Amino acid sequence: MKHILTATALCLTASAGFAQNYGFAGILSNDNRGEMPELQLVVGQPIAEGPITLNSGMVYEMEIEADGSAELALTGAEFFRAVWVNEVVVNGLEIRPFGIESVEFDEAGTMEIEFVAIKPGTYELKIPGSTEDSQRVQITIQ
């Protein structure tokens, strides 16, 4: 019985060490994370520097910062349907939603949305009711 327990312990130790050599794969991999520029919600200012391009299958963190100059929202139901939202973080509170159509800031603050880009296409996030091109950002998932 002692030999069986020793052999079992050696197998478990060997397999645990062997599994660690491979590391994480898929969306858990650090190699699968992309960078996305911060979005700004400020009256009369551009949301982003220009169009944004993302790669399908990669994890991104969208940081949205509002200065509180007005009550501003950001809509983009088509974009949010083309991604899988992992979490939304507001004031350190993590929310795991089923889906999003828009977000709104009643005062100054920062929101982080972690997502996986899924469906290739060109989408738009915009401040509803605005007509200026600077009050929208084009996001392409390739």
C-alpha atoms as a PDB file:
ATOM      1  CA  MET A   1       0.000   0.000   0.000  1.00  0.00           C
ATOM      2  CA  LYS A   2       2.915   2.308   0.817  1.00  0.00           C
ATOM      3  CA  HIS A   3       4.317   1.845  -2.714  1.00  0.00           C
ATOM      4  CA  ILE A   4       0.934   2.684  -4.293  1.00  0.00           C
ATOM      5  CA  LEU A   5       0.639   5.932  -2.307  1.00  0.00           C
ATOM      6  CA  THR A   6       4.216   6.895  -3.180  1.00  0.00           C
ATOM      7  CA  ALA A   7       3.633   6.164  -6.888  1.00  0.00           C
ATOM      8  CA  THR A   8       0.369   8.162  -6.833  1.00  0.00           C
ATOM      9  CA  ALA A   9       2.086  11.123  -5.157  1.00  0.00           C
ATOM     10  CA  LEU A  10       4.895  11.036  -7.741  1.00  0.00           C
ATOM     11  CA  CYS A  11       2.393  10.944 -10.625  1.00  0.00           C
ATOM     12  CA  LEU A  12       0.418  13.897  -9.231  1.00  0.00           C
ATOM     13  CA  THR A  13       3.590  15.906  -8.654  1.00  0.00           C
ATOM     14  CA  ALA A  14       4.919  15.108 -12.132  1.00  0.00           C
ATOM     15  CA  SER A  15       1.647  15.926 -13.861  1.00  0.00           C
ATOM     16  CA  ALA A  16       1.285  19.239 -11.966  1.00  0.00           C
ATOM     17  CA  GLY A  17       4.826  20.224 -12.980  1.00  0.00           C
ATOM     18  CA  PHE A  18       4.232  19.125 -16.562  1.00  0.00           C
ATOM     19  CA  ALA A  19       0.988  21.165 -16.864  1.00  0.00           C
ATOM     20  CA  GLN A  20       2.740  24.323 -15.660  1.00  0.00           C
ATOM     21  CA  ASN A  21       5.163  24.214 -18.561  1.00  0.00           C
ATOM     22  CA  TYR A  22       2.393  25.009 -21.044  1.00  0.00           C
ATOM     23  CA  GLY A  23       0.899  28.081 -19.361  1.00  0.00           C
ATOM     24  CA  PHE A  24      -2.482  29.535 -20.235  1.00  0.00           C
ATOM     25  CA  ALA A  25      -4.075  29.395 -23.671  1.00  0.00           C
ATOM     26  CA  GLY A  26      -6.904  31.216 -25.405  1.00  0.00           C
ATOM     27  CA  ILE A  27      -8.368  34.323 -23.814  1.00  0.00           C
ATOM     28  CA  LEU A  28      -6.517  33.636 -20.570  1.00  0.00           C
ATOM     29  CA  SER A  29      -3.177  34.131 -22.311  1.00  0.00           C
ATOM     30  CA  ASN A  30      -1.333  37.418 -21.877  1.00  0.00           C
ATOM     31  CA  ASP A  31      -0.422  37.135 -25.558  1.00  0.00           C
ATOM     32  CA  ASN A  32      -4.108  37.512 -26.390  1.00  0.00           C
ATOM     33  CA  ARG A  33      -4.534  41.035 -24.965  1.00  0.00           C
ATOM     34  CA  GLY A  34      -4.676  44.116 -27.148  1.00  0.00           C
ATOM     35  CA  GLU A  35      -4.328  47.807 -26.377  1.00  0.00           C
ATOM     36  CA  MET A  36      -7.173  50.238 -26.912  1.00  0.00           C
ATOM     37  CA  PRO A  37      -6.942  54.041 -26.581  1.00  0.00           C
ATOM     38  CA  GLU A  38      -8.907  55.700 -23.782  1.00  0.00           C
ATOM     39  CA  LEU A  39     -12.250  57.286 -24.711  1.00  0.00           C
ATOM     40  CA  GLN A  40     -13.114  60.757 -23.354  1.00  0.00           C
ATOM     41  CA  LEU A  41     -16.601  62.117 -22.737  1.00  0.00           C
ATOM     42  CA  VAL A  42     -16.188  65.898 -22.675  1.00  0.00           C
ATOM     43  CA  VAL A  43     -18.632  68.448 -24.130  1.00  0.00           C
ATOM     44  CA  GLY A  44     -17.355  69.675 -27.512  1.00  0.00           C
ATOM     45  CA  GLN A  45     -14.228  67.477 -27.477  1.00  0.00           C
ATOM     46  CA  PRO A  46     -13.472  64.399 -29.603  1.00  0.00           C
ATOM     47  CA  ILE A  47     -14.229  61.030 -28.015  1.00  0.00           C
ATOM     48  CA  ALA A  48     -10.990  59.569 -29.428  1.00  0.00           C
ATOM     49  CA  GLU A  49      -8.013  60.646 -31.534  1.00  0.00           C
ATOM     50  CA  GLY A  50      -9.297  58.785 -34.586  1.00  0.00           C
ATOM     51  CA  PRO A  51     -10.672  55.454 -35.777  1.00  0.00           C
ATOM     52  CA  ILE A  52      -9.820  52.383 -33.685  1.00  0.00           C
ATOM     53  CA  THR A  53      -8.940  48.957 -35.110  1.00  0.00           C
ATOM     54  CA  LEU A  54      -9.290  45.775 -33.038  1.00  0.00           C
ATOM     55  CA  ASN A  55      -8.517  42.129 -33.805  1.00  0.00           C
ATOM     56  CA  SER A  56     -11.219  39.499 -33.502  1.00  0.00           C
ATOM     57  CA  GLY A  57     -10.571  37.005 -30.703  1.00  0.00           C
ATOM     58  CA  MET A  58      -8.477  39.382 -28.603  1.00  0.00           C
ATOM     59  CA  VAL A  59      -9.237  40.732 -25.121  1.00  0.00           C
ATOM     60  CA  TYR A  60      -9.439  44.518 -24.737  1.00  0.00           C
ATOM     61  CA  GLU A  61     -10.116  46.914 -21.900  1.00  0.00           C
ATOM     62  CA  MET A  62     -12.049  49.993 -22.907  1.00  0.00           C
ATOM     63  CA  GLU A  63     -11.511  52.821 -20.452  1.00  0.00           C
ATOM     64  CA  ILE A  64     -14.075  55.621 -20.662  1.00  0.00           C
ATOM     65  CA  GLU A  65     -13.487  58.816 -18.724  1.00  0.00           C
ATOM     66  CA  ALA A  66     -16.047  61.600 -18.286  1.00  0.00           C
ATOM     67  CA  ASP A  67     -15.086  65.035 -16.970  1.00  0.00           C
ATOM     68  CA  GLY A  68     -18.553  65.799 -15.566  1.00  0.00           C
ATOM     69  CA  SER A  69     -19.088  68.864 -17.782  1.00  0.00           C
ATOM     70  CA  ALA A  70     -22.531  67.468 -18.681  1.00  0.00           C
ATOM     71  CA  GLU A  71     -24.611  64.330 -18.372  1.00  0.00           C
ATOM     72  CA  LEU A  72     -23.244  62.319 -21.305  1.00  0.00           C
ATOM     73  CA  ALA A  73     -23.973  58.861 -22.661  1.00  0.00           C
ATOM     74  CA  LEU A  74     -22.194  56.646 -25.137  1.00  0.00           C
ATOM     75  CA  THR A  75     -24.345  54.423 -27.350  1.00  0.00           C
ATOM     76  CA  GLY A  76     -23.395  51.654 -29.735  1.00  0.00           C
ATOM     77  CA  ALA A  77     -25.697  48.643 -29.551  1.00  0.00           C
ATOM     78  CA  GLU A  78     -24.249  47.159 -32.759  1.00  0.00           C
ATOM     79  CA  PHE A  79     -20.724  47.327 -31.356  1.00  0.00           C
ATOM     80  CA  PHE A  80     -21.712  45.833 -28.013  1.00  0.00           C
ATOM     81  CA  ARG A  81     -23.472  42.965 -29.843  1.00  0.00           C
ATOM     82  CA  ALA A  82     -20.259  42.270 -31.787  1.00  0.00           C
ATOM     83  CA  VAL A  83     -18.230  41.694 -28.616  1.00  0.00           C
ATOM     84  CA  TRP A  84     -18.481  39.463 -25.558  1.00  0.00           C
ATOM     85  CA  VAL A  85     -18.440  41.681 -22.458  1.00  0.00           C
ATOM     86  CA  ASN A  86     -16.602  40.021 -19.586  1.00  0.00           C
ATOM     87  CA  GLU A  87     -17.034  42.780 -17.008  1.00  0.00           C
ATOM     88  CA  VAL A  88     -17.801  46.432 -16.417  1.00  0.00           C
ATOM     89  CA  VAL A  89     -15.938  48.092 -13.545  1.00  0.00           C
ATOM     90  CA  VAL A  90     -17.291  51.276 -11.935  1.00  0.00           C
ATOM     91  CA  ASN A  91     -15.716  52.616  -8.741  1.00  0.00           C
ATOM     92  CA  GLY A  92     -14.071  49.251  -8.110  1.00  0.00           C
ATOM     93  CA  LEU A  93     -17.384  47.392  -8.406  1.00  0.00           C
ATOM     94  CA  GLU A  94     -17.387  44.628 -11.020  1.00  0.00           C
ATOM     95  CA  ILE A  95     -20.551  44.024 -13.026  1.00  0.00           C
ATOM     96  CA  ARG A  96     -20.896  41.000 -15.310  1.00  0.00           C
ATOM     97  CA  PRO A  97     -23.725  41.934 -17.681  1.00  0.00           C
ATOM     98  CA  PHE A  98     -25.549  39.801 -20.204  1.00  0.00           C
ATOM     99  CA  GLY A  99     -25.381  42.672 -22.696  1.00  0.00           C
ATOM    100  CA  ILE A 100     -24.988  46.435 -23.057  1.00  0.00           C
ATOM    101  CA  GLU A 101     -26.570  48.966 -25.390  1.00  0.00           C
ATOM    102  CA  SER A 102     -25.210  52.159 -23.854  1.00  0.00           C
ATOM    103  CA  VAL A 103     -23.529  53.645 -20.794  1.00  0.00           C
ATOM    104  CA  GLU A 104     -24.166  57.022 -19.189  1.00  0.00           C
ATOM    105  CA  PHE A 105     -22.232  59.324 -16.873  1.00  0.00           C
ATOM    106  CA  ASP A 106     -24.220  61.690 -14.668  1.00  0.00           C
ATOM    107  CA  GLU A 107     -21.009  63.105 -13.184  1.00  0.00           C
ATOM    108  CA  ALA A 108     -17.230  62.833 -13.563  1.00  0.00           C
ATOM    109  CA  GLY A 109     -15.859  59.329 -13.378  1.00  0.00           C
ATOM    110  CA  THR A 110     -14.152  56.412 -15.057  1.00  0.00           C
ATOM    111  CA  MET A 111     -15.590  53.136 -16.323  1.00  0.00           C
ATOM    112  CA  GLU A 112     -13.678  50.136 -17.612  1.00  0.00           C
ATOM    113  CA  ILE A 113     -15.265  47.554 -19.908  1.00  0.00           C
ATOM    114  CA  GLU A 114     -13.299  44.350 -20.523  1.00  0.00           C
ATOM    115  CA  PHE A 115     -14.425  42.492 -23.631  1.00  0.00           C
ATOM    116  CA  VAL A 116     -13.426  40.049 -26.332  1.00  0.00           C
ATOM    117  CA  ALA A 117     -13.815  41.359 -29.903  1.00  0.00           C
ATOM    118  CA  ILE A 118     -15.816  38.729 -31.823  1.00  0.00           C
ATOM    119  CA  LYS A 119     -17.659  39.768 -34.979  1.00  0.00           C
ATOM    120  CA  PRO A 120     -15.637  41.497 -37.724  1.00  0.00           C
ATOM    121  CA  GLY A 121     -17.124  44.696 -39.092  1.00  0.00           C
ATOM    122  CA  THR A 122     -17.161  48.472 -38.679  1.00  0.00           C
ATOM    123  CA  TYR A 123     -19.124  49.919 -35.764  1.00  0.00           C
ATOM    124  CA  GLU A 124     -19.684  53.262 -34.134  1.00  0.00           C
ATOM    125  CA  LEU A 125     -19.855  54.532 -30.566  1.00  0.00           C
ATOM    126  CA  LYS A 126     -21.381  57.992 -30.275  1.00  0.00           C
ATOM    127  CA  ILE A 127     -22.898  60.525 -27.956  1.00  0.00           C
ATOM    128  CA  PRO A 128     -26.644  60.310 -28.697  1.00  0.00           C
ATOM    129  CA  GLY A 129     -28.226  63.388 -30.242  1.00  0.00           C
ATOM    130  CA  SER A 130     -24.900  64.849 -31.373  1.00  0.00           C
ATOM    131  CA  THR A 131     -24.279  65.647 -35.019  1.00  0.00           C
ATOM    132  CA  GLU A 132     -20.537  66.419 -34.974  1.00  0.00           C
ATOM    133  CA  ASP A 133     -18.104  63.807 -36.269  1.00  0.00           C
ATOM    134  CA  SER A 134     -15.874  64.375 -33.229  1.00  0.00           C
ATOM    135  CA  GLN A 135     -18.691  63.136 -30.967  1.00  0.00           C
ATOM    136  CA  ARG A 136     -18.423  59.627 -32.398  1.00  0.00           C
ATOM    137  CA  VAL A 137     -15.666  57.073 -32.845  1.00  0.00           C
ATOM    138  CA  GLN A 138     -15.447  54.394 -35.518  1.00  0.00           C
ATOM    139  CA  ILE A 139     -14.285  50.974 -34.334  1.00  0.00           C
ATOM    140  CA  THR A 140     -13.328  48.270 -36.815  1.00  0.00           C
ATOM    141  CA  ILE A 141     -12.993  44.646 -35.770  1.00  0.00           C
ATOM    142  CA  GLN A 142     -10.894  42.710 -38.262  1.00  0.00           C
END
